[in-house]
PDB file of N, CA and C in Angstrom:
ATOM      1  N   MET A   1     -95.943  22.580 -23.708  1.00  0.00           N
ATOM      2  CA  MET A   1     -95.591  21.799 -22.551  1.00  0.00           C
ATOM      3  C   MET A   1     -94.316  22.330 -21.895  1.00  0.00           C
ATOM      4  N   LYS A   2     -93.311  22.687 -22.720  1.00  0.00           N
ATOM      5  CA  LYS A   2     -92.066  23.220 -22.179  1.00  0.00           C
ATOM      6  C   LYS A   2     -92.322  24.520 -21.426  1.00  0.00           C
ATOM      7  N   MET A   3     -93.220  25.345 -21.959  1.00  0.00           N
ATOM      8  CA  MET A   3     -93.540  26.609 -21.307  1.00  0.00           C
ATOM      9  C   MET A   3     -94.176  26.356 -19.938  1.00  0.00           C
ATOM     10  N   LEU A   4     -95.062  25.400 -19.863  1.00  0.00           N
ATOM     11  CA  LEU A   4     -95.714  25.050 -18.606  1.00  0.00           C
ATOM     12  C   LEU A   4     -94.686  24.568 -17.584  1.00  0.00           C
ATOM     13  N   MET A   5     -93.731  23.807 -18.010  1.00  0.00           N
ATOM     14  CA  MET A   5     -92.676  23.311 -17.123  1.00  0.00           C
ATOM     15  C   MET A   5     -91.825  24.464 -16.601  1.00  0.00           C
ATOM     16  N   LYS A   6     -91.528  25.441 -17.460  1.00  0.00           N
ATOM     17  CA  LYS A   6     -90.743  26.598 -17.043  1.00  0.00           C
ATOM     18  C   LYS A   6     -91.494  27.415 -16.006  1.00  0.00           C
ATOM     19  N   VAL A   7     -92.776  27.640 -16.248  1.00  0.00           N
ATOM     20  CA  VAL A   7     -93.598  28.399 -15.297  1.00  0.00           C
ATOM     21  C   VAL A   7     -93.649  27.668 -13.961  1.00  0.00           C
ATOM     22  N   PHE A   8     -93.845  26.369 -14.000  1.00  0.00           N
ATOM     23  CA  PHE A   8     -93.883  25.569 -12.780  1.00  0.00           C
ATOM     24  C   PHE A   8     -92.547  25.646 -12.032  1.00  0.00           C
ATOM     25  N   ALA A   9     -91.439  25.552 -12.749  1.00  0.00           N
ATOM     26  CA  ALA A   9     -90.112  25.619 -12.134  1.00  0.00           C
ATOM     27  C   ALA A   9     -89.895  26.961 -11.459  1.00  0.00           C
ATOM     28  N   VAL A  10     -90.289  28.047 -12.095  1.00  0.00           N
ATOM     29  CA  VAL A  10     -90.139  29.374 -11.495  1.00  0.00           C
ATOM     30  C   VAL A  10     -90.976  29.477 -10.226  1.00  0.00           C
ATOM     31  N   MET A  11     -92.193  28.974 -10.262  1.00  0.00           N
ATOM     32  CA  MET A  11     -93.053  29.013  -9.085  1.00  0.00           C
ATOM     33  C   MET A  11     -92.456  28.229  -7.929  1.00  0.00           C
ATOM     34  N   VAL A  12     -91.961  27.054  -8.194  1.00  0.00           N
ATOM     35  CA  VAL A  12     -91.387  26.211  -7.150  1.00  0.00           C
ATOM     36  C   VAL A  12     -90.146  26.858  -6.556  1.00  0.00           C
ATOM     37  N   LEU A  13     -89.323  27.468  -7.383  1.00  0.00           N
ATOM     38  CA  LEU A  13     -88.090  28.080  -6.897  1.00  0.00           C
ATOM     39  C   LEU A  13     -88.338  29.350  -6.103  1.00  0.00           C
ATOM     40  N   THR A  14     -89.382  30.097  -6.397  1.00  0.00           N
ATOM     41  CA  THR A  14     -89.635  31.346  -5.678  1.00  0.00           C
ATOM     42  C   THR A  14     -90.504  31.160  -4.448  1.00  0.00           C
ATOM     43  N   MET A  15     -91.211  30.085  -4.312  1.00  0.00           N
ATOM     44  CA  MET A  15     -92.087  29.877  -3.162  1.00  0.00           C
ATOM     45  C   MET A  15     -91.348  29.881  -1.823  1.00  0.00           C
ATOM     46  N   PRO A  16     -90.199  29.217  -1.673  1.00  0.00           N
ATOM     47  CA  PRO A  16     -89.522  29.260  -0.379  1.00  0.00           C
ATOM     48  C   PRO A  16     -89.141  30.680   0.038  1.00  0.00           C
ATOM     49  N   ALA A  17     -88.721  31.506  -0.879  1.00  0.00           N
ATOM     50  CA  ALA A  17     -88.354  32.882  -0.539  1.00  0.00           C
ATOM     51  C   ALA A  17     -89.575  33.659  -0.071  1.00  0.00           C
ATOM     52  N   LEU A  18     -90.699  33.433  -0.710  1.00  0.00           N
ATOM     53  CA  LEU A  18     -91.912  34.128  -0.317  1.00  0.00           C
ATOM     54  C   LEU A  18     -92.413  33.651   1.043  1.00  0.00           C
ATOM     55  N   ALA A  19     -92.215  32.401   1.344  1.00  0.00           N
ATOM     56  CA  ALA A  19     -92.706  31.852   2.604  1.00  0.00           C
ATOM     57  C   ALA A  19     -91.994  32.462   3.799  1.00  0.00           C
ATOM     58  N   LEU A  20     -90.780  32.949   3.633  1.00  0.00           N
ATOM     59  CA  LEU A  20     -90.026  33.520   4.735  1.00  0.00           C
ATOM     60  C   LEU A  20     -90.390  34.972   5.013  1.00  0.00           C
ATOM     61  N   ALA A  21     -90.954  35.652   4.029  1.00  0.00           N
ATOM     62  CA  ALA A  21     -91.344  37.041   4.224  1.00  0.00           C
ATOM     63  C   ALA A  21     -92.551  37.088   5.135  1.00  0.00           C
ATOM     64  N   GLY A  22     -92.628  38.136   5.942  1.00  0.00           N
ATOM     65  CA  GLY A  22     -93.756  38.215   6.861  1.00  0.00           C
ATOM     66  C   GLY A  22     -94.067  39.632   7.284  1.00  0.00           C
ATOM     67  N   THR A  23     -95.238  39.776   7.857  1.00  0.00           N
ATOM     68  CA  THR A  23     -95.676  41.038   8.437  1.00  0.00           C
ATOM     69  C   THR A  23     -96.253  40.730   9.808  1.00  0.00           C
ATOM     70  N   TRP A  24     -95.814  41.477  10.772  1.00  0.00           N
ATOM     71  CA  TRP A  24     -96.308  41.356  12.131  1.00  0.00           C
ATOM     72  C   TRP A  24     -96.981  42.680  12.451  1.00  0.00           C
ATOM     73  N   GLN A  25     -98.259  42.637  12.822  1.00  0.00           N
ATOM     74  CA  GLN A  25     -99.019  43.863  13.038  1.00  0.00           C
ATOM     75  C   GLN A  25     -99.396  44.046  14.501  1.00  0.00           C
ATOM     76  N   LYS A  26     -99.255  45.292  14.947  1.00  0.00           N
ATOM     77  CA  LYS A  26     -99.631  45.704  16.311  1.00  0.00           C
ATOM     78  C   LYS A  26     -98.999  44.822  17.383  1.00  0.00           C
ATOM     79  N   VAL A  27     -97.706  44.542  17.215  1.00  0.00           N
ATOM     80  CA  VAL A  27     -96.977  43.739  18.199  1.00  0.00           C
ATOM     81  C   VAL A  27     -96.171  44.663  19.106  1.00  0.00           C
ATOM     82  N   SER A  28     -95.909  44.211  20.313  1.00  0.00           N
ATOM     83  CA  SER A  28     -95.154  45.008  21.281  1.00  0.00           C
ATOM     84  C   SER A  28     -93.681  45.038  20.920  1.00  0.00           C
ATOM     85  N   LEU A  29     -93.090  46.212  21.019  1.00  0.00           N
ATOM     86  CA  LEU A  29     -91.649  46.385  20.833  1.00  0.00           C
ATOM     87  C   LEU A  29     -91.002  46.313  22.209  1.00  0.00           C
ATOM     88  N   ILE A  30     -90.043  45.407  22.372  1.00  0.00           N
ATOM     89  CA  ILE A  30     -89.401  45.178  23.665  1.00  0.00           C
ATOM     90  C   ILE A  30     -87.895  45.105  23.460  1.00  0.00           C
ATOM     91  N   ASP A  31     -87.149  45.675  24.413  1.00  0.00           N
ATOM     92  CA  ASP A  31     -85.698  45.494  24.356  1.00  0.00           C
ATOM     93  C   ASP A  31     -85.356  44.160  25.020  1.00  0.00           C
ATOM     94  N   HIS A  32     -84.267  43.567  24.585  1.00  0.00           N
ATOM     95  CA  HIS A  32     -83.884  42.243  25.075  1.00  0.00           C
ATOM     96  C   HIS A  32     -83.615  42.243  26.576  1.00  0.00           C
ATOM     97  N   MET A  33     -82.995  43.299  27.082  1.00  0.00           N
ATOM     98  CA  MET A  33     -82.634  43.355  28.494  1.00  0.00           C
ATOM     99  C   MET A  33     -83.866  43.253  29.413  1.00  0.00           C
ATOM    100  N   CYS A  34     -84.961  43.856  29.010  1.00  0.00           N
ATOM    101  CA  CYS A  34     -86.156  43.902  29.863  1.00  0.00           C
ATOM    102  C   CYS A  34     -87.203  42.851  29.509  1.00  0.00           C
ATOM    103  N   LEU A  35     -86.919  41.998  28.572  1.00  0.00           N
ATOM    104  CA  LEU A  35     -87.905  41.051  28.068  1.00  0.00           C
ATOM    105  C   LEU A  35     -88.605  40.276  29.180  1.00  0.00           C
ATOM    106  N   GLU A  36     -87.857  39.603  30.014  1.00  0.00           N
ATOM    107  CA  GLU A  36     -88.474  38.761  31.056  1.00  0.00           C
ATOM    108  C   GLU A  36     -89.232  39.606  32.075  1.00  0.00           C
ATOM    109  N   LYS A  37     -88.758  40.793  32.356  1.00  0.00           N
ATOM    110  CA  LYS A  37     -89.386  41.663  33.351  1.00  0.00           C
ATOM    111  C   LYS A  37     -90.730  42.208  32.864  1.00  0.00           C
ATOM    112  N   VAL A  38     -90.857  42.494  31.575  1.00  0.00           N
ATOM    113  CA  VAL A  38     -92.069  43.156  31.069  1.00  0.00           C
ATOM    114  C   VAL A  38     -92.953  42.253  30.205  1.00  0.00           C
ATOM    115  N   LYS A  39     -92.563  41.013  30.037  1.00  0.00           N
ATOM    116  CA  LYS A  39     -93.292  40.093  29.154  1.00  0.00           C
ATOM    117  C   LYS A  39     -94.772  39.971  29.532  1.00  0.00           C
ATOM    118  N   ALA A  40     -95.075  39.987  30.804  1.00  0.00           N
ATOM    119  CA  ALA A  40     -96.460  39.831  31.259  1.00  0.00           C
ATOM    120  C   ALA A  40     -97.305  41.080  30.996  1.00  0.00           C
ATOM    121  N   ALA A  41     -96.674  42.248  30.946  1.00  0.00           N
ATOM    122  CA  ALA A  41     -97.408  43.505  30.734  1.00  0.00           C
ATOM    123  C   ALA A  41     -96.585  44.441  29.841  1.00  0.00           C
ATOM    124  N   PRO A  42     -96.382  44.061  28.580  1.00  0.00           N
ATOM    125  CA  PRO A  42     -95.493  44.838  27.705  1.00  0.00           C
ATOM    126  C   PRO A  42     -95.967  46.269  27.429  1.00  0.00           C
ATOM    127  N   ASP A  43     -97.265  46.518  27.516  1.00  0.00           N
ATOM    128  CA  ASP A  43     -97.753  47.870  27.238  1.00  0.00           C
ATOM    129  C   ASP A  43     -97.359  48.876  28.315  1.00  0.00           C
ATOM    130  N   LYS A  44     -96.962  48.391  29.478  1.00  0.00           N
ATOM    131  CA  LYS A  44     -96.524  49.286  30.556  1.00  0.00           C
ATOM    132  C   LYS A  44     -95.037  49.630  30.461  1.00  0.00           C
ATOM    133  N   HIS A  45     -94.335  49.034  29.521  1.00  0.00           N
ATOM    134  CA  HIS A  45     -92.899  49.280  29.354  1.00  0.00           C
ATOM    135  C   HIS A  45     -92.694  50.684  28.788  1.00  0.00           C
ATOM    136  N   PRO A  46     -92.071  51.578  29.547  1.00  0.00           N
ATOM    137  CA  PRO A  46     -91.955  52.973  29.104  1.00  0.00           C
ATOM    138  C   PRO A  46     -90.919  53.186  27.995  1.00  0.00           C
ATOM    139  N   VAL A  47     -91.191  54.182  27.182  1.00  0.00           N
ATOM    140  CA  VAL A  47     -90.272  54.566  26.108  1.00  0.00           C
ATOM    141  C   VAL A  47     -88.907  54.921  26.685  1.00  0.00           C
ATOM    142  N   SER A  48     -88.889  55.575  27.840  1.00  0.00           N
ATOM    143  CA  SER A  48     -87.608  55.954  28.451  1.00  0.00           C
ATOM    144  C   SER A  48     -86.729  54.729  28.693  1.00  0.00           C
ATOM    145  N   CYS A  49     -87.327  53.624  29.107  1.00  0.00           N
ATOM    146  CA  CYS A  49     -86.567  52.392  29.329  1.00  0.00           C
ATOM    147  C   CYS A  49     -86.140  51.782  28.002  1.00  0.00           C
ATOM    148  N   LEU A  50     -87.043  51.791  27.025  1.00  0.00           N
ATOM    149  CA  LEU A  50     -86.683  51.263  25.703  1.00  0.00           C
ATOM    150  C   LEU A  50     -85.474  51.997  25.137  1.00  0.00           C
ATOM    151  N   LEU A  51     -85.419  53.294  25.334  1.00  0.00           N
ATOM    152  CA  LEU A  51     -84.277  54.071  24.834  1.00  0.00           C
ATOM    153  C   LEU A  51     -83.021  53.782  25.649  1.00  0.00           C
ATOM    154  N   LYS A  52     -83.173  53.679  26.965  1.00  0.00           N
ATOM    155  CA  LYS A  52     -82.027  53.430  27.843  1.00  0.00           C
ATOM    156  C   LYS A  52     -81.402  52.059  27.582  1.00  0.00           C
ATOM    157  N   CYS A  53     -82.224  51.075  27.277  1.00  0.00           N
ATOM    158  CA  CYS A  53     -81.747  49.701  27.097  1.00  0.00           C
ATOM    159  C   CYS A  53     -81.535  49.328  25.628  1.00  0.00           C
ATOM    160  N   ALA A  54     -81.446  50.310  24.761  1.00  0.00           N
ATOM    161  CA  ALA A  54     -81.318  50.064  23.318  1.00  0.00           C
ATOM    162  C   ALA A  54     -80.116  49.200  22.967  1.00  0.00           C
ATOM    163  N   GLY A  55     -79.062  49.293  23.728  1.00  0.00           N
ATOM    164  CA  GLY A  55     -77.844  48.541  23.439  1.00  0.00           C
ATOM    165  C   GLY A  55     -78.033  47.029  23.474  1.00  0.00           C
ATOM    166  N   SER A  56     -79.065  46.571  24.173  1.00  0.00           N
ATOM    167  CA  SER A  56     -79.296  45.127  24.243  1.00  0.00           C
ATOM    168  C   SER A  56     -80.020  44.605  23.003  1.00  0.00           C
ATOM    169  N   GLY A  57     -80.538  45.525  22.183  1.00  0.00           N
ATOM    170  CA  GLY A  57     -81.234  45.147  20.960  1.00  0.00           C
ATOM    171  C   GLY A  57     -82.733  45.042  21.180  1.00  0.00           C
ATOM    172  N   TYR A  58     -83.468  45.303  20.114  1.00  0.00           N
ATOM    173  CA  TYR A  58     -84.928  45.262  20.167  1.00  0.00           C
ATOM    174  C   TYR A  58     -85.457  43.997  19.523  1.00  0.00           C
ATOM    175  N   GLY A  59     -86.692  43.703  19.865  1.00  0.00           N
ATOM    176  CA  GLY A  59     -87.402  42.593  19.266  1.00  0.00           C
ATOM    177  C   GLY A  59     -88.888  42.843  19.407  1.00  0.00           C
ATOM    178  N   ILE A  60     -89.664  41.935  18.871  1.00  0.00           N
ATOM    179  CA  ILE A  60     -91.108  42.035  19.008  1.00  0.00           C
ATOM    180  C   ILE A  60     -91.620  40.840  19.792  1.00  0.00           C
ATOM    181  N   LEU A  61     -92.690  41.072  20.518  1.00  0.00           N
ATOM    182  CA  LEU A  61     -93.342  40.018  21.267  1.00  0.00           C
ATOM    183  C   LEU A  61     -94.601  39.652  20.497  1.00  0.00           C
ATOM    184  N   THR A  62     -94.632  38.449  19.954  1.00  0.00           N
ATOM    185  CA  THR A  62     -95.764  38.028  19.126  1.00  0.00           C
ATOM    186  C   THR A  62     -96.965  37.681  20.000  1.00  0.00           C
ATOM    187  N   ALA A  63     -98.110  37.511  19.374  1.00  0.00           N
ATOM    188  CA  ALA A  63     -99.348  37.202  20.087  1.00  0.00           C
ATOM    189  C   ALA A  63     -99.242  35.910  20.894  1.00  0.00           C
ATOM    190  N   ASP A  64     -98.412  34.972  20.422  1.00  0.00           N
ATOM    191  CA  ASP A  64     -98.254  33.705  21.141  1.00  0.00           C
ATOM    192  C   ASP A  64     -97.124  33.749  22.173  1.00  0.00           C
ATOM    193  N   GLY A  65     -96.610  34.954  22.470  1.00  0.00           N
ATOM    194  CA  GLY A  65     -95.591  35.114  23.502  1.00  0.00           C
ATOM    195  C   GLY A  65     -94.172  34.850  23.051  1.00  0.00           C
ATOM    196  N   LYS A  66     -93.943  34.700  21.772  1.00  0.00           N
ATOM    197  CA  LYS A  66     -92.599  34.452  21.242  1.00  0.00           C
ATOM    198  C   LYS A  66     -91.902  35.791  20.969  1.00  0.00           C
ATOM    199  N   TRP A  67     -90.626  35.872  21.317  1.00  0.00           N
ATOM    200  CA  TRP A  67     -89.845  37.080  21.064  1.00  0.00           C
ATOM    201  C   TRP A  67     -88.953  36.846  19.859  1.00  0.00           C
ATOM    202  N   LEU A  68     -89.066  37.727  18.871  1.00  0.00           N
ATOM    203  CA  LEU A  68     -88.222  37.661  17.683  1.00  0.00           C
ATOM    204  C   LEU A  68     -87.337  38.901  17.664  1.00  0.00           C
ATOM    205  N   ALA A  69     -86.045  38.700  17.572  1.00  0.00           N
ATOM    206  CA  ALA A  69     -85.094  39.804  17.555  1.00  0.00           C
ATOM    207  C   ALA A  69     -85.145  40.541  16.221  1.00  0.00           C
ATOM    208  N   LEU A  70     -84.856  41.834  16.264  1.00  0.00           N
ATOM    209  CA  LEU A  70     -84.735  42.629  15.047  1.00  0.00           C
ATOM    210  C   LEU A  70     -83.268  42.690  14.642  1.00  0.00           C
ATOM    211  N   ASP A  71     -83.007  42.731  13.355  1.00  0.00           N
ATOM    212  CA  ASP A  71     -81.636  42.879  12.869  1.00  0.00           C
ATOM    213  C   ASP A  71     -81.173  44.321  13.078  1.00  0.00           C
ATOM    214  N   LYS A  72     -79.965  44.642  12.661  1.00  0.00           N
ATOM    215  CA  LYS A  72     -79.416  45.988  12.866  1.00  0.00           C
ATOM    216  C   LYS A  72     -80.296  47.052  12.220  1.00  0.00           C
ATOM    217  N   ALA A  73     -80.749  46.811  10.998  1.00  0.00           N
ATOM    218  CA  ALA A  73     -81.622  47.778  10.328  1.00  0.00           C
ATOM    219  C   ALA A  73     -82.905  47.979  11.129  1.00  0.00           C
ATOM    220  N   GLY A  74     -83.450  46.902  11.666  1.00  0.00           N
ATOM    221  CA  GLY A  74     -84.653  46.993  12.485  1.00  0.00           C
ATOM    222  C   GLY A  74     -84.417  47.743  13.776  1.00  0.00           C
ATOM    223  N   ASN A  75     -83.263  47.498  14.405  1.00  0.00           N
ATOM    224  CA  ASN A  75     -82.916  48.233  15.621  1.00  0.00           C
ATOM    225  C   ASN A  75     -82.787  49.726  15.330  1.00  0.00           C
ATOM    226  N   ASP A  76     -82.178  50.071  14.211  1.00  0.00           N
ATOM    227  CA  ASP A  76     -82.033  51.483  13.836  1.00  0.00           C
ATOM    228  C   ASP A  76     -83.397  52.130  13.579  1.00  0.00           C
ATOM    229  N   LYS A  77     -84.277  51.414  12.886  1.00  0.00           N
ATOM    230  CA  LYS A  77     -85.628  51.934  12.610  1.00  0.00           C
ATOM    231  C   LYS A  77     -86.417  52.095  13.910  1.00  0.00           C
ATOM    232  N   ALA A  78     -86.292  51.126  14.814  1.00  0.00           N
ATOM    233  CA  ALA A  78     -86.989  51.200  16.098  1.00  0.00           C
ATOM    234  C   ALA A  78     -86.496  52.389  16.911  1.00  0.00           C
ATOM    235  N   MET A  79     -85.193  52.572  16.959  1.00  0.00           N
ATOM    236  CA  MET A  79     -84.615  53.687  17.716  1.00  0.00           C
ATOM    237  C   MET A  79     -85.113  55.019  17.153  1.00  0.00           C
ATOM    238  N   ALA A  80     -85.115  55.169  15.847  1.00  0.00           N
ATOM    239  CA  ALA A  80     -85.586  56.410  15.223  1.00  0.00           C
ATOM    240  C   ALA A  80     -87.064  56.655  15.553  1.00  0.00           C
ATOM    241  N   ALA A  81     -87.866  55.606  15.505  1.00  0.00           N
ATOM    242  CA  ALA A  81     -89.297  55.741  15.811  1.00  0.00           C
ATOM    243  C   ALA A  81     -89.511  56.112  17.270  1.00  0.00           C
ATOM    244  N   LEU A  82     -88.747  55.509  18.167  1.00  0.00           N
ATOM    245  CA  LEU A  82     -88.877  55.822  19.586  1.00  0.00           C
ATOM    246  C   LEU A  82     -88.460  57.259  19.892  1.00  0.00           C
ATOM    247  N   LYS A  83     -87.400  57.714  19.254  1.00  0.00           N
ATOM    248  CA  LYS A  83     -86.949  59.093  19.472  1.00  0.00           C
ATOM    249  C   LYS A  83     -87.957  60.106  18.941  1.00  0.00           C
ATOM    250  N   ALA A  84     -88.737  59.722  17.935  1.00  0.00           N
ATOM    251  CA  ALA A  84     -89.677  60.656  17.306  1.00  0.00           C
ATOM    252  C   ALA A  84     -91.061  60.658  17.964  1.00  0.00           C
ATOM    253  N   THR A  85     -91.350  59.670  18.798  1.00  0.00           N
ATOM    254  CA  THR A  85     -92.692  59.573  19.357  1.00  0.00           C
ATOM    255  C   THR A  85     -92.874  60.440  20.606  1.00  0.00           C
ATOM    256  N   SER A  86     -94.109  60.833  20.836  1.00  0.00           N
ATOM    257  CA  SER A  86     -94.454  61.551  22.069  1.00  0.00           C
ATOM    258  C   SER A  86     -95.143  60.601  23.057  1.00  0.00           C
ATOM    259  N   LYS A  87     -95.338  59.357  22.647  1.00  0.00           N
ATOM    260  CA  LYS A  87     -95.955  58.369  23.534  1.00  0.00           C
ATOM    261  C   LYS A  87     -95.009  58.075  24.703  1.00  0.00           C
ATOM    262  N   LYS A  88     -95.598  57.744  25.840  1.00  0.00           N
ATOM    263  CA  LYS A  88     -94.803  57.415  27.036  1.00  0.00           C
ATOM    264  C   LYS A  88     -94.642  55.904  27.224  1.00  0.00           C
ATOM    265  N   ASP A  89     -95.626  55.139  26.741  1.00  0.00           N
ATOM    266  CA  ASP A  89     -95.591  53.677  26.849  1.00  0.00           C
ATOM    267  C   ASP A  89     -96.566  53.110  25.815  1.00  0.00           C
ATOM    268  N   HIS A  90     -96.935  51.841  25.976  1.00  0.00           N
ATOM    269  CA  HIS A  90     -97.847  51.172  25.043  1.00  0.00           C
ATOM    270  C   HIS A  90     -97.305  51.263  23.607  1.00  0.00           C
ATOM    271  N   ILE A  91     -96.075  50.814  23.439  1.00  0.00           N
ATOM    272  CA  ILE A  91     -95.416  50.893  22.139  1.00  0.00           C
ATOM    273  C   ILE A  91     -95.709  49.640  21.330  1.00  0.00           C
ATOM    274  N   ARG A  92     -96.481  49.832  20.288  1.00  0.00           N
ATOM    275  CA  ARG A  92     -96.826  48.766  19.355  1.00  0.00           C
ATOM    276  C   ARG A  92     -96.302  49.148  17.976  1.00  0.00           C
ATOM    277  N   VAL A  93     -95.896  48.146  17.216  1.00  0.00           N
ATOM    278  CA  VAL A  93     -95.329  48.389  15.898  1.00  0.00           C
ATOM    279  C   VAL A  93     -95.897  47.427  14.867  1.00  0.00           C
ATOM    280  N   ASP A  94     -95.828  47.853  13.628  1.00  0.00           N
ATOM    281  CA  ASP A  94     -96.039  46.979  12.476  1.00  0.00           C
ATOM    282  C   ASP A  94     -94.653  46.754  11.887  1.00  0.00           C
ATOM    283  N   VAL A  95     -94.309  45.510  11.653  1.00  0.00           N
ATOM    284  CA  VAL A  95     -92.988  45.166  11.130  1.00  0.00           C
ATOM    285  C   VAL A  95     -93.163  44.307   9.875  1.00  0.00           C
ATOM    286  N   THR A  96     -92.393  44.633   8.860  1.00  0.00           N
ATOM    287  CA  THR A  96     -92.346  43.832   7.645  1.00  0.00           C
ATOM    288  C   THR A  96     -90.898  43.416   7.434  1.00  0.00           C
ATOM    289  N   GLY A  97     -90.703  42.150   7.096  1.00  0.00           N
ATOM    290  CA  GLY A  97     -89.352  41.681   6.867  1.00  0.00           C
ATOM    291  C   GLY A  97     -89.324  40.193   6.600  1.00  0.00           C
ATOM    292  N   GLU A  98     -88.143  39.655   6.672  1.00  0.00           N
ATOM    293  CA  GLU A  98     -87.929  38.241   6.414  1.00  0.00           C
ATOM    294  C   GLU A  98     -87.403  37.588   7.674  1.00  0.00           C
ATOM    295  N   GLN A  99     -88.123  36.590   8.167  1.00  0.00           N
ATOM    296  CA  GLN A  99     -87.695  35.896   9.366  1.00  0.00           C
ATOM    297  C   GLN A  99     -86.621  34.881   9.015  1.00  0.00           C
ATOM    298  N   LYS A 100     -85.512  34.988   9.716  1.00  0.00           N
ATOM    299  CA  LYS A 100     -84.395  34.052   9.555  1.00  0.00           C
ATOM    300  C   LYS A 100     -84.118  33.470  10.939  1.00  0.00           C
ATOM    301  N   GLY A 101     -84.675  32.316  11.203  1.00  0.00           N
ATOM    302  CA  GLY A 101     -84.550  31.727  12.535  1.00  0.00           C
ATOM    303  C   GLY A 101     -85.334  32.553  13.538  1.00  0.00           C
ATOM    304  N   GLU A 102     -84.654  33.061  14.551  1.00  0.00           N
ATOM    305  CA  GLU A 102     -85.297  33.857  15.596  1.00  0.00           C
ATOM    306  C   GLU A 102     -85.087  35.358  15.382  1.00  0.00           C
ATOM    307  N   THR A 103     -84.639  35.744  14.194  1.00  0.00           N
ATOM    308  CA  THR A 103     -84.361  37.148  13.881  1.00  0.00           C
ATOM    309  C   THR A 103     -85.147  37.570  12.647  1.00  0.00           C
ATOM    310  N   ILE A 104     -85.581  38.831  12.649  1.00  0.00           N
ATOM    311  CA  ILE A 104     -86.269  39.391  11.495  1.00  0.00           C
ATOM    312  C   ILE A 104     -85.336  40.367  10.801  1.00  0.00           C
ATOM    313  N   ALA A 105     -85.089  40.151   9.514  1.00  0.00           N
ATOM    314  CA  ALA A 105     -84.376  41.119   8.670  1.00  0.00           C
ATOM    315  C   ALA A 105     -85.432  42.144   8.252  1.00  0.00           C
ATOM    316  N   VAL A 106     -85.445  43.277   8.933  1.00  0.00           N
ATOM    317  CA  VAL A 106     -86.523  44.259   8.823  1.00  0.00           C
ATOM    318  C   VAL A 106     -86.383  45.112   7.567  1.00  0.00           C
ATOM    319  N   SER A 107     -87.474  45.203   6.810  1.00  0.00           N
ATOM    320  CA  SER A 107     -87.514  46.118   5.673  1.00  0.00           C
ATOM    321  C   SER A 107     -88.342  47.355   6.008  1.00  0.00           C
ATOM    322  N   ALA A 108     -89.297  47.227   6.944  1.00  0.00           N
ATOM    323  CA  ALA A 108     -90.121  48.377   7.358  1.00  0.00           C
ATOM    324  C   ALA A 108     -90.574  48.179   8.805  1.00  0.00           C
ATOM    325  N   LEU A 109     -90.600  49.282   9.537  1.00  0.00           N
ATOM    326  CA  LEU A 109     -91.081  49.277  10.917  1.00  0.00           C
ATOM    327  C   LEU A 109     -91.763  50.611  11.163  1.00  0.00           C
ATOM    328  N   ALA A 110     -92.959  50.577  11.734  1.00  0.00           N
ATOM    329  CA  ALA A 110     -93.691  51.804  12.029  1.00  0.00           C
ATOM    330  C   ALA A 110     -94.459  51.653  13.341  1.00  0.00           C
ATOM    331  N   LEU A 111     -94.444  52.709  14.152  1.00  0.00           N
ATOM    332  CA  LEU A 111     -95.249  52.723  15.366  1.00  0.00           C
ATOM    333  C   LEU A 111     -96.719  52.802  14.977  1.00  0.00           C
ATOM    334  N   VAL A 112     -97.570  52.147  15.753  1.00  0.00           N
ATOM    335  CA  VAL A 112     -99.015  52.200  15.515  1.00  0.00           C
ATOM    336  C   VAL A 112     -99.710  52.601  16.814  1.00  0.00           C
ATOM    337  N   ASP A 113    -100.927  53.073  16.672  1.00  0.00           N
ATOM    338  CA  ASP A 113    -101.705  53.467  17.857  1.00  0.00           C
ATOM    339  C   ASP A 113    -102.286  52.278  18.544  1.00  0.00           C
TER     340      ASP A 113
END
């Protein structure tokens, strides 16, 4: 019985941490400065603009139209991916991380086709 209680306690204590982790797949990468301007047609947002407006910070536009900001690590990963791509626009990413309010603490970010 004591063993069952310990297992249950561990499960209960780790569940909240797991609930915050997430993966967002094939979402648009948008800089904060251009968010309102390109929200209606994010795939037309050119890489040149994403690089130029990097100082405002990056985020993702979810399927329901919500914008979640990336943390510093996520911004660095996004910048590296943008500099390495030959794509001109239609920038979609897969992001893995932990959502903290309106920000994602990014552990992985990759451009997708």
